[in-house]
Amino acid sequence: MTARVWQTTVDSRDAHAQSVWWAAVLGYAEDPDDPNEPGHEECLLLAPTGDQRLLFIEVPEAKTVKNRLHLDLVPAEGTRDEELARLLALAAQVVDDLRRPDGTGWVVLADPEGNEFCLLRSDAERAATG
């Protein structure tokens, strides 16, 4: 027997604001049968394919230390650097820039509540460099 991941849950100070922000980042949508509203303590997002779920749950405390678990993102379209510009325009913050002169590497970012995530090269960029 094995288990499968049902959803990834993120503790949040403002579940609704986080769900709106991450929906813009990932292209995920709320459940049409249970829309997310300001003030909701739990806000769910669904991947367009329906096979991934992100649940934001309000907690009273703010984030205080580095995440023990984080998301690694790859651009669905375009390059890593183009996606970085888009994420920065959405108010992501650069935590650490680990890009290398040869084009490899990644960027560590934080969402509006300080949760870290990484932005890697696109599939096409990785394929082009082997």
Protein backbone atom coordinates (compact mmCIF):
# COMPACT_ATOMS: atom_id res chain seq x y z
CA MET A 1 0.00 0.00 0.00
CA THR A 2 1.02 3.61 -0.54
CA ALA A 3 -0.40 7.05 0.15
CA ARG A 4 -0.92 9.97 -2.19
CA VAL A 5 -0.87 13.68 -1.50
CA TRP A 6 -4.41 15.03 -1.29
CA GLN A 7 -3.41 18.68 -1.01
CA THR A 8 -0.65 20.96 0.16
CA THR A 9 -1.72 23.13 3.07
CA VAL A 10 -0.15 26.50 3.84
CA ASP A 11 -0.55 28.23 7.20
CA SER A 12 -1.49 31.86 6.54
CA ARG A 13 -2.26 35.07 8.35
CA ASP A 14 -4.77 35.96 5.60
CA ALA A 15 -5.97 32.85 3.78
CA HIS A 16 -7.99 34.78 1.22
CA ALA A 17 -5.17 37.17 0.26
CA GLN A 18 -2.77 34.25 -0.06
CA SER A 19 -5.20 32.32 -2.25
CA VAL A 20 -5.65 35.32 -4.55
CA TRP A 21 -1.88 35.82 -4.83
CA TRP A 22 -1.06 32.17 -5.48
CA ALA A 23 -3.93 31.87 -7.99
CA ALA A 24 -2.24 34.64 -9.99
CA VAL A 25 1.15 32.91 -9.72
CA LEU A 26 0.01 29.40 -10.64
CA GLY A 27 -3.12 29.91 -12.73
CA TYR A 28 -5.10 27.88 -10.20
CA ALA A 29 -8.78 28.62 -9.52
CA GLU A 30 -11.07 28.40 -6.54
CA ASP A 31 -13.66 25.67 -6.23
CA PRO A 32 -16.74 27.05 -8.03
CA ASP A 33 -18.96 25.23 -5.53
CA ASP A 34 -17.14 26.82 -2.56
CA PRO A 35 -15.75 30.22 -3.58
CA ASN A 36 -13.05 31.88 -1.49
CA GLU A 37 -14.14 35.07 0.22
CA PRO A 38 -12.37 37.68 2.36
CA GLY A 39 -12.51 36.55 5.97
CA HIS A 40 -12.69 32.84 5.16
CA GLU A 41 -10.36 30.90 7.42
CA GLU A 42 -9.80 28.25 4.73
CA CYS A 43 -9.37 29.01 1.03
CA LEU A 44 -8.85 26.26 -1.52
CA LEU A 45 -7.26 26.49 -4.97
CA LEU A 46 -7.42 23.80 -7.64
CA ALA A 47 -4.95 23.22 -10.46
CA PRO A 48 -6.46 23.54 -13.95
CA THR A 49 -5.95 19.78 -14.35
CA GLY A 50 -7.72 19.12 -11.05
CA ASP A 51 -4.91 16.89 -9.78
CA GLN A 52 -3.32 19.39 -7.37
CA ARG A 53 -4.85 21.37 -4.54
CA LEU A 54 -3.50 24.18 -2.36
CA LEU A 55 -5.33 24.97 0.85
CA PHE A 56 -4.60 28.15 2.79
CA ILE A 57 -5.59 28.02 6.45
CA GLU A 58 -5.51 31.01 8.78
CA VAL A 59 -3.36 30.71 11.87
CA PRO A 60 -2.81 33.35 14.57
CA GLU A 61 0.98 33.45 14.43
CA ALA A 62 3.17 34.96 11.73
CA LYS A 63 5.88 32.98 9.96
CA THR A 64 9.08 33.17 11.99
CA VAL A 65 11.65 30.77 10.52
CA LYS A 66 12.66 29.27 7.18
CA ASN A 67 10.14 26.88 5.61
CA ARG A 68 10.84 23.18 6.08
CA LEU A 69 8.88 22.47 2.89
CA HIS A 70 8.62 24.68 -0.18
CA LEU A 71 7.41 24.68 -3.77
CA ASP A 72 9.82 24.55 -6.72
CA LEU A 73 8.26 26.30 -9.71
CA VAL A 74 9.16 26.16 -13.39
CA PRO A 75 7.78 28.61 -15.95
CA ALA A 76 4.84 27.18 -17.87
CA GLU A 77 5.75 29.57 -20.70
CA GLY A 78 8.83 31.64 -21.40
CA THR A 79 12.08 31.65 -19.51
CA ARG A 80 13.02 31.65 -15.85
CA ASP A 81 14.04 35.30 -16.05
CA GLU A 82 10.80 36.33 -17.77
CA GLU A 83 8.83 34.50 -15.08
CA LEU A 84 10.97 36.15 -12.39
CA ALA A 85 9.99 39.57 -13.74
CA ARG A 86 6.30 38.57 -13.65
CA LEU A 87 6.55 37.27 -10.07
CA LEU A 88 8.34 40.41 -8.91
CA ALA A 89 5.56 42.49 -10.49
CA LEU A 90 3.10 40.43 -8.39
CA ALA A 91 5.08 41.46 -5.25
CA ALA A 92 7.25 38.39 -4.74
CA GLN A 93 10.50 39.22 -2.95
CA VAL A 94 13.94 37.84 -3.84
CA VAL A 95 15.42 35.98 -0.85
CA ASP A 96 18.51 34.61 -2.62
CA ASP A 97 19.64 34.74 -6.24
CA LEU A 98 21.49 31.51 -7.07
CA ARG A 99 21.58 31.96 -10.86
CA ARG A 100 24.98 31.21 -12.40
CA PRO A 101 26.68 32.88 -15.37
CA ASP A 102 26.15 29.73 -17.48
CA GLY A 103 22.37 30.08 -17.06
CA THR A 104 21.92 27.29 -14.53
CA GLY A 105 20.75 27.83 -10.98
CA TRP A 106 17.57 29.21 -9.47
CA VAL A 107 16.10 32.10 -7.52
CA VAL A 108 14.69 31.77 -4.01
CA LEU A 109 11.64 34.01 -3.61
CA ALA A 110 9.09 34.74 -0.90
CA ASP A 111 5.35 35.28 -1.22
CA PRO A 112 3.67 38.27 0.51
CA GLU A 113 3.65 36.42 3.86
CA GLY A 114 7.31 35.41 3.60
CA ASN A 115 6.89 31.77 2.54
CA GLU A 116 9.89 30.76 0.44
CA PHE A 117 9.66 29.08 -2.94
CA CYS A 118 12.15 28.53 -5.74
CA LEU A 119 11.99 29.45 -9.40
CA LEU A 120 13.92 27.07 -11.64
CA ARG A 121 14.70 27.17 -15.36
CA SER A 122 11.97 26.22 -17.79
CA ASP A 123 11.84 22.77 -19.36
CA ALA A 124 13.09 24.29 -22.64
CA GLU A 125 16.01 26.02 -20.92
CA ARG A 126 17.04 22.81 -19.18
CA ALA A 127 16.76 20.81 -22.42
CA ALA A 128 18.88 23.34 -24.30
CA THR A 129 21.80 22.94 -21.89
CA GLY A 130 21.52 19.18 -21.43
